Amino acid sequence: QVQLVESGGGLVQAGGSLRLSCAASGRTFSTYTMGWFRQAPGKERELVAAIQFRGLSTYYSDSVKGRFTISRDNAVNTVYLQMNGLKPEDTAVYYCAADVRPLRVGIRLAANEYAYWGQGTQVTVSS
């Protein structure tokens, strides 16, 4: 069982930066691939970045590639999302999530492959 708490959201002007953090409880954090999803009003939840449980591979959606960086520190049970060059279209509630299956080598893209979710943090980018 993994419990997740996101922080770091807020209001920022276009071109600015934010760093999201997701703190996990439980001793098994290091065995889970972690993902950052976002959901804007009226849109489906989408995966924007993910990192394999050992940190050996990452995934970025085309919309954030080159601007966002996902990282993790298994020693403190935390995954991060550094967001640079923010755009108004990045406005959404951002959620971190843990893969439904521990120790999975590949990164899954679908939301239903993630079993544990945080409560979300709002990111608003003004133009």
Foldseek 3Di string as FASTA:
>chain_A
DKAKAKDWADEEAAQAKIKMKIAIDDLQLLFWKKWKWWDDPPDDIWTAKIAHSPRPDMDGDPVQPPFWDWDDDSVRRMIMIIGGRDDQVVWTWMKMFTAPDTNDGDDDTDPVRTDYIHPTDTHGYHD
